[in-house]
Every structure is written in structure tokens, then in C-alpha cells.
């Protein structure tokens, strides 16, 4: 069975690149009727951030990526599901100790007693002499007696793998094809740190084997470490999984995504009101494409279409304009009622009393204009509370204060006597005809009406706004404008 995993470290929010990695691992598993699991790699104790695990799992719930096994949320509580756990590395320390003993006994690993000072000096000399940096094997050939003596004396040690120094290690990557590494250029990786915790390199191999992971999907920054992992599999006599190393995500300036150049965590986009279905659709295309001109895919459609033979090697550009376009398209396809429901929590965060108006009609004002749910909420705030505005804004560029005031008063009188339904269609038909009858320009009436109703120069059309505000509120705001001018 195909089994993939995503193994984040709880050191902060889920990165966009992390979501893409998880999405691809998930899609590949689902395409082949396999399982997708979450494992938590928390062995770097100094970098742990409180509540980040919950935030990471919340991101998967938001993205509708279901977790078959491992660490997940059940009724909003963190739990573990499956028979190959624990799925949190800090709860697996005894397992790592068991397996490091095997390597020590086979002489495939060794205790290293080198101090930080010695290692710093070693690296300095290597750099000054323009040599390849890496551990020089100083403790590699200590005898059992020497090791025992040092341990008995209380000397601190790490445990390193004894990397073969001859031959090559070949990786047959699902995305990059065959990649070869000279073993002599790969140093002896630390497997167990002085505090007894495993490094990523050791834990990932042990965990992936015991959890029966068939395919490892991760970023290309781990490609250079893969020969170490493959050799660890060989040392244990285990079959290595297949690997798929994803390209970097870069911004439009060809720079690696970073906080200095924009939002990089999934939660940033959640807070801005991007739709999960639009975001996942967009993220899927950061490296993958279906081989034709289709651009819109549901998660279920992606599960059927995705495979690594259509994932490219070149860095993928995170284009915020393209994301905005996707989100806008998804917003436009929604019913006003569904859109209102999606915007509900954003209105709540702004402490807006939405009871006075039909929320579906309110959000409809920005449907086709706004890129995000947050923009919809912010751009319709004038419906619920009209901000102060300068009276000069009421005057159309081809008019003056006196004409503007007179036209507002005429318009109020006309609207007071207007019969029929108070909706956009009726308002447009009657007011536009009335403007012609009065031999006025549209701007003479509609411009001051727009400002009176919204307090803005740029807004949805004034007749759209009036239809949402209702007759009473429309007339009240227009009278306030007359009094102001």
C-alpha cells in the first residue's frame, strides 16, 4: 500500500511550502488509494513554539486535507490515531535508543567526543584552506576501550554514522531522475545529540521504516541529505522508500519566499479571507500541471489527476496576483447566501451588527470586485456605519456646490414619491429615466448620491447601494448630505 506522510516541526505556523508538500503527499496517496499520515518532528527542543502544533493542524482542517493516521484533531483536540505510533518523536526516544545500539554494535556508528571548540577550529581551518567543510573523522576509529574510558569519565558525546568513504550513492528521484553523490564528500552525520535526542536524519529513517512509509515527499533542500538516509537504510538492511524532492518556492523577484518579502504562513492567508478551495487549487499548480489548459480543480478532482510525472524541477513562482485571481473567480461563482455565510466570522471580528441588513445583499455589492472575504467586509463597512467625509467630495467635477445641493434635494423628493419595489432594477429604470427628463447628466445625480450613501469616491454603484440600504436609510443619508453641503 502507498503510504505517505508530512512531518512538520512545531516551531511556528505552517509555511506555504509545507502546505504544498503535504498536499502533494496527500494527493499522491489518494490517487493510489493509499494512506496519508502526519508525524510530528519535535526533537529540536530549543525551537519549539507553544500552540504551533494546534495551529498547524488547524491549517489542514481549513484546507480540507483529511489525515488518515498519525497526529490529528478530533473535536478540536489533538490526538493520535493508528497502530504505528506514537507519532510524536519526543515520545519515541526509547525506540531511537534501541536502534542506535544496533548501529553501534555493527560498527556503523560511533561516539564522538569532540568539543564545540575543536569543531569550530576544524571548520575555520577548512574554510581558510578552501577545503570541503565537514567532520574530519577525529573520533571515527577510537577503540572500544577508549570509548568506554571516556564515557566512564563522564565525557559528553554525540553518536555519528560511519559513512562509507568509497563509491557513490544513487538516488532515483521521482521528480529529478537519477542523482549521484560521491560518498567521500559526505561527512559523518550526527545521529544522536548529546542530550539523547535524535537528529532529524536518524529519526526520519527509523520512523519512516517503522511507519511503513512507501514514498517520501519533501523539499529539494533535503536532497543533499538523502544519501545519508539511503546509507542508513542499507546499514539496517531495510528497503528505502521512493523519494520525490520538490522544487523551491520563490517570489516574483526570484527570491526564496521569506517573511521579509510578504506573507509566508498559511494562517496569514486564512486571516485575509482566502477561500480554502481557491488556495488549494492555486497551491497545487506551484510545480504541477495537468498537461492541458484546465485551471480549476476541486480537491476531489486533484486526487484523481495528480501524479509526480507532471511535477516540474524548476522553482515555482508564488504569484500573489494569480492567487487573487483564483480567489476572485471562486467568490464570483458562489451564491450570495453562501458568500454571506463565509464572510460571517470576518464581520464578527469587526464587531459589526449585521442584523439591520440582508447580509447576502450586502456582500453581493463586492462580489466581482473584491479579491478576498476580508476585502468584502472592509469594503462594505459603510453600509453598517457611515464614516465622516468632506463635503467637497459630494461635488461632481462638472458641477458646483449650489447645483449639487439642488440636485440632491430634487433626487430626495423623487425617491420619496417613488412607487413600486425598492430594488436595483426598479431604481435603475426609474432614476435614469428621470435624470433624462430633468435634462441632467448622470454624474449630476449619481455622483453626489454615491458619496452621500457611502462616504467614498470609489464604491459599488449608488443604485446598488440604495437597494441594499433600503428606502428609509437611503433618504436619511441623502438628507445628511444636503445638510452637510
Protein backbone atom coordinates (compact mmCIF):
# COMPACT_ATOMS: atom_id res chain seq x y z
CA UNK A 1 0.00 0.00 0.00
CA UNK A 2 1.11 3.55 -0.78
CA UNK A 3 1.77 5.39 2.48
CA UNK A 4 2.93 8.99 2.55
CA UNK A 5 3.49 11.38 5.40
CA UNK A 6 4.03 15.02 6.23
CA UNK A 7 6.23 15.59 9.24
CA UNK A 8 6.24 19.22 10.42
CA UNK A 9 8.17 20.62 13.34
CA UNK A 10 6.01 22.61 15.79
CA UNK A 11 8.23 25.68 15.58
CA UNK A 12 5.66 28.12 14.19
CA UNK A 13 2.81 28.37 11.73
CA UNK A 14 2.55 26.11 8.69
CA UNK A 15 4.57 27.57 5.81
CA UNK A 16 3.07 27.78 2.32
CA UNK A 17 5.80 25.43 1.12
CA UNK A 18 4.86 23.00 3.87
CA UNK A 19 1.24 23.01 2.75
CA UNK A 20 2.31 22.29 -0.83
CA UNK A 21 4.49 19.38 0.33
CA UNK A 22 1.65 17.99 2.43
CA UNK A 23 -0.86 18.50 -0.39
CA UNK A 24 1.30 16.62 -2.91
CA UNK A 25 1.91 13.78 -0.44
CA UNK A 26 -1.82 13.63 0.29
CA UNK A 27 -2.84 13.72 -3.38
CA UNK A 28 -0.35 11.01 -4.35
CA UNK A 29 -1.63 8.73 -1.60
CA UNK A 30 -5.26 9.32 -2.55
CA UNK A 31 -4.55 8.82 -6.27
CA UNK A 32 -3.23 5.35 -5.44
CA UNK A 33 -5.83 4.52 -2.77
CA UNK A 34 -3.21 4.81 -0.05
CA UNK A 35 -2.89 6.46 3.36
CA UNK A 36 -1.66 9.92 4.33
CA UNK A 37 -0.36 10.47 7.85
CA UNK A 38 1.01 13.29 9.98
CA UNK A 39 4.05 12.76 12.18
CA UNK A 40 5.44 15.48 14.44
CA UNK A 41 9.19 16.04 14.48
CA UNK A 42 9.83 17.86 17.74
CA UNK A 43 13.39 16.80 18.55
CA UNK A 44 14.80 20.33 18.17
CA UNK A 45 13.65 21.32 21.64
CA UNK A 46 15.06 24.85 21.60
CA UNK A 47 12.89 25.93 18.66
CA UNK A 48 9.54 24.61 19.86
CA UNK A 49 6.72 27.17 19.91
CA UNK A 50 3.71 26.73 22.18
CA UNK A 51 0.40 26.13 20.38
CA UNK A 52 2.09 25.80 16.99
CA UNK A 53 1.09 22.14 16.67
CA UNK A 54 -2.58 23.07 17.08
CA UNK A 55 -2.16 25.88 14.57
CA UNK A 56 -0.56 23.53 12.04
CA UNK A 57 -3.37 21.00 12.39
CA UNK A 58 -5.96 23.80 12.14
CA UNK A 59 -4.45 24.67 8.75
CA UNK A 60 -5.11 21.15 7.48
CA UNK A 61 -8.70 21.30 8.71
CA UNK A 62 -9.11 24.65 6.92
CA UNK A 63 -7.64 23.23 3.69
CA UNK A 64 -9.93 20.16 3.93
CA UNK A 65 -6.92 17.82 3.80
CA UNK A 66 -8.02 14.75 5.74
CA UNK A 67 -5.48 12.85 7.83
CA UNK A 68 -5.83 9.06 7.81
CA UNK A 69 -3.34 8.32 10.55
CA UNK A 70 -0.98 9.97 13.00
CA UNK A 71 -1.47 13.27 14.78
CA UNK A 72 -4.78 14.97 14.06
CA UNK A 73 -7.62 16.96 15.57
CA UNK A 74 -10.68 15.19 16.95
CA UNK A 75 -13.37 17.58 18.20
CA UNK A 76 -10.70 20.29 18.13
CA UNK A 77 -8.44 18.28 20.47
CA UNK A 78 -5.01 16.96 19.46
CA UNK A 79 -4.99 13.18 19.37
CA UNK A 80 -3.14 10.27 17.75
CA UNK A 81 -4.72 7.65 15.52
CA UNK A 82 -3.15 4.45 14.23
CA UNK A 83 -1.23 1.35 15.29
CA UNK A 84 2.28 2.52 14.38
CA UNK A 85 2.64 5.29 16.96
CA UNK A 86 3.48 7.17 18.93
CA UNK A 87 3.53 9.68 16.08
CA UNK A 88 5.35 12.40 18.03
CA UNK A 89 9.12 11.96 18.01
CA UNK A 90 9.71 13.12 21.58
CA UNK A 91 7.52 10.17 22.65
CA UNK A 92 9.72 7.73 20.70
CA UNK A 93 13.09 8.24 22.41
CA UNK A 94 13.30 4.65 23.66
CA UNK A 95 12.77 3.43 20.11
CA UNK A 96 15.68 5.52 18.82
CA UNK A 97 17.95 4.29 21.61
CA UNK A 98 17.09 0.72 20.67
CA UNK A 99 18.05 1.27 17.03
CA UNK A 100 21.20 3.30 17.65
CA UNK A 101 22.52 0.37 19.69
CA UNK A 102 22.19 -1.81 16.60
CA UNK A 103 24.37 0.56 14.58
CA UNK A 104 26.95 0.84 17.37
CA UNK A 105 27.16 -2.93 17.66
CA UNK A 106 27.61 -3.27 13.90
CA UNK A 107 30.30 -0.56 13.92
CA UNK A 108 28.17 1.56 11.57
CA UNK A 109 28.06 4.36 14.15
CA UNK A 110 30.46 5.69 16.76
CA UNK A 111 30.71 8.01 19.76
CA UNK A 112 32.24 11.40 19.01
CA UNK A 113 33.69 13.34 21.95
CA UNK A 114 34.85 16.40 20.00
CA UNK A 115 34.11 19.65 21.81
CA UNK A 116 32.41 22.63 20.20
CA UNK A 117 35.73 24.48 20.37
CA UNK A 118 37.53 21.74 18.44
CA UNK A 119 34.79 21.57 15.81
CA UNK A 120 34.81 25.37 15.39
CA UNK A 121 38.59 25.34 14.95
CA UNK A 122 38.34 22.46 12.48
CA UNK A 123 35.77 24.33 10.36
CA UNK A 124 37.82 27.53 10.50
CA UNK A 125 40.91 25.72 9.20
CA UNK A 126 38.91 24.06 6.45
CA UNK A 127 37.48 27.38 5.29
CA UNK A 128 40.86 29.14 5.44
CA UNK A 129 42.43 26.38 3.34
CA UNK A 130 39.43 26.28 0.98
CA UNK A 131 38.70 22.66 1.84
CA UNK A 132 35.29 21.00 1.88
CA UNK A 133 33.72 21.56 5.28
CA UNK A 134 32.58 18.60 7.33
CA UNK A 135 33.58 16.40 10.21
CA UNK A 136 37.15 15.13 9.84
CA UNK A 137 36.61 11.73 11.46
CA UNK A 138 38.75 12.50 14.51
CA UNK A 139 36.83 10.04 16.72
CA UNK A 140 35.90 7.61 13.96
CA UNK A 141 38.47 4.96 14.85
CA UNK A 142 38.53 5.12 18.64
CA UNK A 143 38.80 1.65 20.17
CA UNK A 144 36.01 0.22 22.30
CA UNK A 145 38.30 0.60 25.32
CA UNK A 146 38.96 4.29 24.59
CA UNK A 147 35.24 4.94 24.16
CA UNK A 148 34.36 3.10 27.36
CA UNK A 149 37.02 5.02 29.28
CA UNK A 150 35.76 8.40 28.07
CA UNK A 151 32.13 7.55 28.83
CA UNK A 152 33.09 6.29 32.28
CA UNK A 153 34.91 9.55 32.91
CA UNK A 154 31.68 11.43 32.16
CA UNK A 155 32.77 12.94 28.85
CA UNK A 156 29.83 14.06 26.75
CA UNK A 157 29.43 12.58 23.30
CA UNK A 158 27.26 12.56 20.26
CA UNK A 159 26.81 9.50 18.07
CA UNK A 160 27.72 9.77 14.39
CA UNK A 161 27.06 7.45 11.49
CA UNK A 162 30.11 5.88 9.88
CA UNK A 163 29.52 6.97 6.32
CA UNK A 164 31.20 4.79 3.66
CA UNK A 165 34.09 6.74 2.13
CA UNK A 166 34.26 4.90 -1.17
CA UNK A 167 31.88 4.55 -4.09
CA UNK A 168 28.74 6.50 -4.91
CA UNK A 169 25.19 6.67 -3.63
CA UNK A 170 22.49 6.84 -6.31
CA UNK A 171 19.04 8.34 -5.81
CA UNK A 172 16.35 7.61 -8.38
CA UNK A 173 14.13 10.58 -7.59
CA UNK A 174 10.54 10.62 -8.87
CA UNK A 175 10.93 14.24 -10.00
CA UNK A 176 14.65 14.68 -10.69
CA UNK A 177 15.53 11.28 -12.05
CA UNK A 178 18.90 9.73 -11.26
CA UNK A 179 21.14 11.78 -8.94
CA UNK A 180 24.59 10.55 -7.89
CA UNK A 181 26.66 11.52 -4.84
CA UNK A 182 30.29 10.67 -4.13
CA UNK A 183 30.43 9.09 -0.69
CA UNK A 184 33.84 10.62 0.07
CA UNK A 185 32.23 14.08 0.06
CA UNK A 186 29.59 13.20 2.65
CA UNK A 187 30.57 13.67 6.28
CA UNK A 188 29.68 11.51 9.26
CA UNK A 189 26.28 12.85 10.26
CA UNK A 190 25.38 13.19 13.94
CA UNK A 191 22.56 10.74 14.68
CA UNK A 192 22.09 11.17 18.43
CA UNK A 193 22.80 14.51 20.11
CA UNK A 194 24.48 14.91 23.49
CA UNK A 195 21.07 15.34 25.16
CA UNK A 196 19.99 11.91 23.93
CA UNK A 197 17.58 13.26 21.33
CA UNK A 198 17.93 12.02 17.76
CA UNK A 199 18.71 14.34 14.89
CA UNK A 200 16.30 14.63 12.01
CA UNK A 201 18.48 12.35 9.89
CA UNK A 202 18.28 9.40 12.26
CA UNK A 203 14.70 9.78 13.43
CA UNK A 204 13.32 10.23 9.93
CA UNK A 205 14.82 6.94 8.71
CA UNK A 206 13.73 4.92 11.75
CA UNK A 207 10.24 6.44 11.74
CA UNK A 208 9.65 6.13 8.00
CA UNK A 209 10.66 2.46 8.15
CA UNK A 210 8.58 1.56 11.20
CA UNK A 211 5.59 3.50 9.90
CA UNK A 212 5.94 1.74 6.53
CA UNK A 213 6.22 4.94 4.51
CA UNK A 214 6.48 4.00 0.84
CA UNK A 215 7.09 7.46 -0.64
CA UNK A 216 8.88 10.41 0.97
CA UNK A 217 7.77 13.78 -0.40
CA UNK A 218 9.83 16.77 0.75
CA UNK A 219 11.60 19.93 -0.39
CA UNK A 220 14.73 19.90 -2.51
CA UNK A 221 16.76 21.28 0.40
CA UNK A 222 16.77 17.70 1.72
CA UNK A 223 18.16 16.19 -1.49
CA UNK A 224 21.78 16.59 -0.35
CA UNK A 225 20.97 14.70 2.86
CA UNK A 226 19.29 11.81 1.09
CA UNK A 227 22.49 9.76 0.53
CA UNK A 228 22.98 9.74 4.30
CA UNK A 229 19.46 8.42 4.71
CA UNK A 230 19.85 5.79 2.00
CA UNK A 231 23.05 4.55 3.63
CA UNK A 232 21.28 4.33 6.98
CA UNK A 233 18.65 2.14 5.34
CA UNK A 234 21.45 -0.06 3.99
CA UNK A 235 23.11 -0.27 7.42
CA UNK A 236 19.87 -1.55 8.93
CA UNK A 237 19.20 -3.86 6.00
CA UNK A 238 15.94 -2.08 5.21
CA UNK A 239 14.42 -1.24 1.85
CA UNK A 240 14.45 2.52 1.29
CA UNK A 241 11.25 4.32 0.26
CA UNK A 242 10.98 6.20 -3.01
CA UNK A 243 11.78 9.91 -2.90
CA UNK A 244 10.23 12.96 -4.53
CA UNK A 245 12.08 16.22 -3.87
CA UNK A 246 10.01 19.31 -4.68
CA UNK A 247 11.46 22.48 -6.15
CA UNK A 248 11.84 25.70 -4.21
CA UNK A 249 9.03 28.22 -3.96
CA UNK A 250 10.20 31.68 -5.00
CA UNK A 251 8.59 35.10 -5.28
CA UNK A 252 8.29 37.15 -8.44
CA UNK A 253 11.74 38.65 -7.82
CA UNK A 254 13.17 35.10 -7.96
CA UNK A 255 13.91 35.20 -4.24
CA UNK A 256 13.17 32.39 -1.82
CA UNK A 257 9.88 33.04 0.00
CA UNK A 258 10.54 34.77 3.30
CA UNK A 259 8.72 36.97 5.80
CA UNK A 260 10.74 39.96 4.61
CA UNK A 261 9.10 39.75 1.20
CA UNK A 262 5.48 39.02 2.13
CA UNK A 263 3.28 36.56 3.95
CA UNK A 264 4.66 33.02 4.07
CA UNK A 265 2.41 31.17 6.52
CA UNK A 266 -0.95 29.64 5.67
CA UNK A 267 -2.64 31.38 8.59
CA UNK A 268 -1.79 34.78 7.05
CA UNK A 269 -3.97 33.90 4.07
CA UNK A 270 -6.70 32.43 6.24
CA UNK A 271 -6.90 35.71 8.15
CA UNK A 272 -7.10 37.68 4.91
CA UNK A 273 -10.10 35.72 3.76
CA UNK A 274 -8.75 33.49 1.03
CA UNK A 275 -11.03 30.55 0.35
CA UNK A 276 -9.52 27.13 1.11
CA UNK A 277 -10.70 25.65 -2.18
CA UNK A 278 -9.14 28.52 -4.15
CA UNK A 279 -5.92 28.42 -2.13
CA UNK A 280 -5.51 24.65 -2.56
CA UNK A 281 -6.24 24.95 -6.29
CA UNK A 282 -3.55 27.64 -6.56
CA UNK A 283 -1.00 25.77 -4.43
CA UNK A 284 -1.48 22.59 -6.48
CA UNK A 285 -0.26 24.47 -9.56
CA UNK A 286 3.01 25.53 -7.88
CA UNK A 287 5.03 22.85 -9.62
CA UNK A 288 2.31 20.59 -11.04
CA UNK A 289 0.05 21.00 -14.04
CA UNK A 290 -2.45 18.65 -15.71
CA UNK A 291 -0.77 18.87 -19.11
CA UNK A 292 -3.59 20.90 -20.68
CA UNK A 293 -5.22 24.32 -20.27
CA UNK A 294 -7.51 23.46 -17.35
CA UNK A 295 -7.04 25.76 -14.35
CA UNK A 296 -9.86 24.90 -11.95
CA UNK A 297 -9.81 21.72 -9.87
CA UNK A 298 -11.67 20.66 -6.78
CA UNK A 299 -9.71 18.68 -4.20
CA UNK A 300 -11.51 15.52 -5.35
CA UNK A 301 -10.52 16.20 -8.97
CA UNK A 302 -6.91 16.77 -7.93
CA UNK A 303 -6.92 13.43 -6.13
CA UNK A 304 -7.74 11.73 -9.43
CA UNK A 305 -5.39 13.77 -11.64
CA UNK A 306 -2.23 14.26 -9.58
CA UNK A 307 0.99 12.34 -10.17
CA UNK A 308 4.68 13.15 -9.94
CA UNK A 309 5.30 12.69 -13.66
CA UNK A 310 3.66 16.10 -14.12
CA UNK A 311 5.65 17.87 -11.39
CA UNK A 312 8.46 20.08 -12.68
CA UNK A 313 12.01 20.56 -11.43
CA UNK A 314 12.19 24.33 -11.89
CA UNK A 315 11.47 26.67 -8.95
CA UNK A 316 7.78 27.54 -8.71
CA UNK A 317 6.80 31.21 -8.55
CA UNK A 318 4.31 32.25 -5.87
CA UNK A 319 2.41 34.96 -7.74
CA UNK A 320 0.04 36.83 -5.42
CA UNK A 321 -1.86 38.31 -8.38
CA UNK A 322 -2.59 34.82 -9.66
CA UNK A 323 -3.77 33.78 -6.20
CA UNK A 324 -6.03 36.84 -6.05
CA UNK A 325 -7.41 35.96 -9.48
CA UNK A 326 -8.19 32.42 -8.35
CA UNK A 327 -9.87 33.62 -5.18
CA UNK A 328 -11.92 36.21 -7.03
CA UNK A 329 -13.13 33.58 -9.51
CA UNK A 330 -14.24 31.28 -6.70
CA UNK A 331 -16.01 34.16 -4.94
CA UNK A 332 -17.83 35.09 -8.15
CA UNK A 333 -19.09 31.52 -8.60
CA UNK A 334 -20.66 31.41 -5.13
CA UNK A 335 -24.26 32.16 -4.34
CA UNK A 336 -24.71 35.36 -2.34
CA UNK A 337 -26.09 33.29 0.53
CA UNK A 338 -23.01 31.05 0.68
CA UNK A 339 -20.72 34.07 0.39
CA UNK A 340 -22.53 35.75 3.30
CA UNK A 341 -22.02 32.63 5.38
CA UNK A 342 -18.29 32.58 4.58
CA UNK A 343 -17.95 36.26 5.48
CA UNK A 344 -19.81 35.87 8.78
CA UNK A 345 -16.79 35.33 11.02
CA UNK A 346 -14.98 38.31 9.46
CA UNK A 347 -17.93 40.59 10.24
CA UNK A 348 -17.92 39.23 13.81
CA UNK A 349 -14.23 40.03 14.20
CA UNK A 350 -15.01 43.63 13.21
CA UNK A 351 -17.85 43.70 15.79
CA UNK A 352 -20.35 44.62 13.09
CA UNK A 353 -24.07 44.41 13.87
CA UNK A 354 -25.27 42.66 10.74
CA UNK A 355 -28.90 42.32 11.85
CA UNK A 356 -30.12 45.54 10.20
CA UNK A 357 -29.48 44.47 6.62
CA UNK A 358 -29.74 41.43 4.37
CA UNK A 359 -26.16 40.19 4.55
CA UNK A 360 -26.41 38.29 1.26
CA UNK A 361 -27.28 41.55 -0.49
CA UNK A 362 -24.51 43.41 1.34
CA UNK A 363 -21.73 41.01 0.29
CA UNK A 364 -23.22 40.92 -3.21
CA UNK A 365 -22.12 44.55 -3.60
CA UNK A 366 -18.49 43.42 -3.68
CA UNK A 367 -18.94 40.10 -5.49
CA UNK A 368 -16.90 40.51 -8.65
CA UNK A 369 -14.96 43.44 -7.20
CA UNK A 370 -13.13 42.14 -4.12
CA UNK A 371 -10.37 39.53 -4.12
CA UNK A 372 -10.88 38.21 -0.58
CA UNK A 373 -13.53 37.83 2.10
CA UNK A 374 -11.75 40.39 4.26
CA UNK A 375 -11.85 42.89 1.40
CA UNK A 376 -15.59 42.31 1.09
CA UNK A 377 -16.08 43.01 4.79
CA UNK A 378 -13.85 46.09 4.79
CA UNK A 379 -15.28 47.48 1.55
CA UNK A 380 -18.89 47.18 2.76
CA UNK A 381 -18.31 48.66 6.22
CA UNK A 382 -20.03 51.89 5.13
CA UNK A 383 -23.33 50.00 4.90
CA UNK A 384 -23.34 49.46 8.66
CA UNK A 385 -21.70 52.71 9.71
CA UNK A 386 -21.20 55.78 7.52
CA UNK A 387 -17.87 57.45 8.23
CA UNK A 388 -17.37 61.20 8.23
CA UNK A 389 -16.44 62.62 4.83
CA UNK A 390 -15.51 66.03 3.44
CA UNK A 391 -18.50 67.81 1.92
CA UNK A 392 -16.41 68.80 -1.11
CA UNK A 393 -16.46 65.11 -2.12
CA UNK A 394 -20.17 65.49 -2.93
CA UNK A 395 -19.49 67.92 -5.76
CA UNK A 396 -19.11 66.28 -9.17
CA UNK A 397 -16.17 67.53 -11.23
CA UNK A 398 -18.54 69.20 -13.73
CA UNK A 399 -20.76 70.80 -11.10
CA UNK A 400 -20.62 73.16 -8.10
CA UNK A 401 -21.94 73.22 -4.52
CA UNK A 402 -25.21 75.01 -5.29
CA UNK A 403 -26.16 72.73 -8.18
CA UNK A 404 -25.13 69.67 -6.18
CA UNK A 405 -27.33 70.67 -3.25
CA UNK A 406 -30.26 71.40 -5.55
CA UNK A 407 -29.86 68.10 -7.38
CA UNK A 408 -29.68 66.17 -4.10
CA UNK A 409 -32.90 67.84 -2.91
CA UNK A 410 -34.66 67.03 -6.19
CA UNK A 411 -33.47 63.43 -6.01
CA UNK A 412 -34.73 63.07 -2.44
CA UNK A 413 -38.14 64.38 -3.44
CA UNK A 414 -38.27 62.00 -6.40
CA UNK A 415 -37.26 58.99 -4.29
CA UNK A 416 -39.76 59.84 -1.55
CA UNK A 417 -42.56 59.61 -4.10
CA UNK A 418 -41.17 56.57 -5.89
CA UNK A 419 -43.63 53.70 -6.13
CA UNK A 420 -43.01 50.06 -6.88
CA UNK A 421 -40.45 47.73 -5.37
CA UNK A 422 -37.32 49.24 -3.87
CA UNK A 423 -34.76 47.17 -5.73
CA UNK A 424 -31.85 47.79 -8.04
CA UNK A 425 -33.73 47.07 -11.26
CA UNK A 426 -36.61 49.42 -10.46
CA UNK A 427 -34.27 52.12 -9.17
CA UNK A 428 -32.12 51.99 -12.30
CA UNK A 429 -35.06 52.15 -14.68
CA UNK A 430 -36.89 54.98 -12.92
CA UNK A 431 -33.97 57.16 -11.84
CA UNK A 432 -32.13 57.01 -15.16
CA UNK A 433 -35.33 57.96 -16.99
CA UNK A 434 -36.00 60.76 -14.50
CA UNK A 435 -32.45 62.12 -14.97
CA UNK A 436 -33.08 62.37 -18.72
CA UNK A 437 -36.41 64.08 -18.12
CA UNK A 438 -34.68 66.63 -15.90
CA UNK A 439 -32.08 67.19 -18.64
CA UNK A 440 -29.32 66.38 -16.19
CA UNK A 441 -26.19 64.31 -16.65
CA UNK A 442 -25.87 61.02 -14.79
CA UNK A 443 -22.96 62.47 -12.83
CA UNK A 444 -25.13 65.38 -11.59
CA UNK A 445 -27.27 62.91 -9.65
CA UNK A 446 -25.37 59.66 -9.26
CA UNK A 447 -22.05 61.14 -8.10
CA UNK A 448 -23.38 63.03 -5.05
CA UNK A 449 -25.72 60.12 -4.37
CA UNK A 450 -22.73 57.71 -4.32
CA UNK A 451 -20.80 59.87 -1.85
CA UNK A 452 -23.89 60.54 0.29
CA UNK A 453 -24.61 56.82 0.65
CA UNK A 454 -21.04 55.51 1.03
CA UNK A 455 -18.85 58.42 2.10
CA UNK A 456 -16.42 57.24 -0.58
CA UNK A 457 -15.21 58.25 -4.03
CA UNK A 458 -14.82 54.62 -5.06
CA UNK A 459 -17.60 52.23 -4.16
CA UNK A 460 -20.20 49.98 -5.74
CA UNK A 461 -22.79 51.86 -7.79
CA UNK A 462 -25.10 54.20 -5.84
CA UNK A 463 -28.26 52.44 -7.01
CA UNK A 464 -26.84 49.08 -5.89
CA UNK A 465 -26.06 50.63 -2.51
CA UNK A 466 -29.51 52.20 -2.25
CA UNK A 467 -31.18 48.86 -2.95
CA UNK A 468 -29.25 47.32 -0.04
CA UNK A 469 -29.73 50.23 2.39
CA UNK A 470 -33.46 50.39 1.83
CA UNK A 471 -35.59 53.47 1.24
CA UNK A 472 -35.51 54.95 4.76
CA UNK A 473 -31.74 54.73 5.27
CA UNK A 474 -31.07 55.95 1.72
CA UNK A 475 -33.20 59.06 2.23
CA UNK A 476 -31.67 59.69 5.68
CA UNK A 477 -28.13 59.64 4.30
CA UNK A 478 -29.01 61.84 1.37
CA UNK A 479 -30.65 64.39 3.71
CA UNK A 480 -27.49 64.35 5.85
CA UNK A 481 -25.54 65.17 2.69
CA UNK A 482 -27.83 68.11 1.94
CA UNK A 483 -27.35 69.41 5.48
CA UNK A 484 -23.58 68.92 5.17
CA UNK A 485 -23.21 70.80 1.90
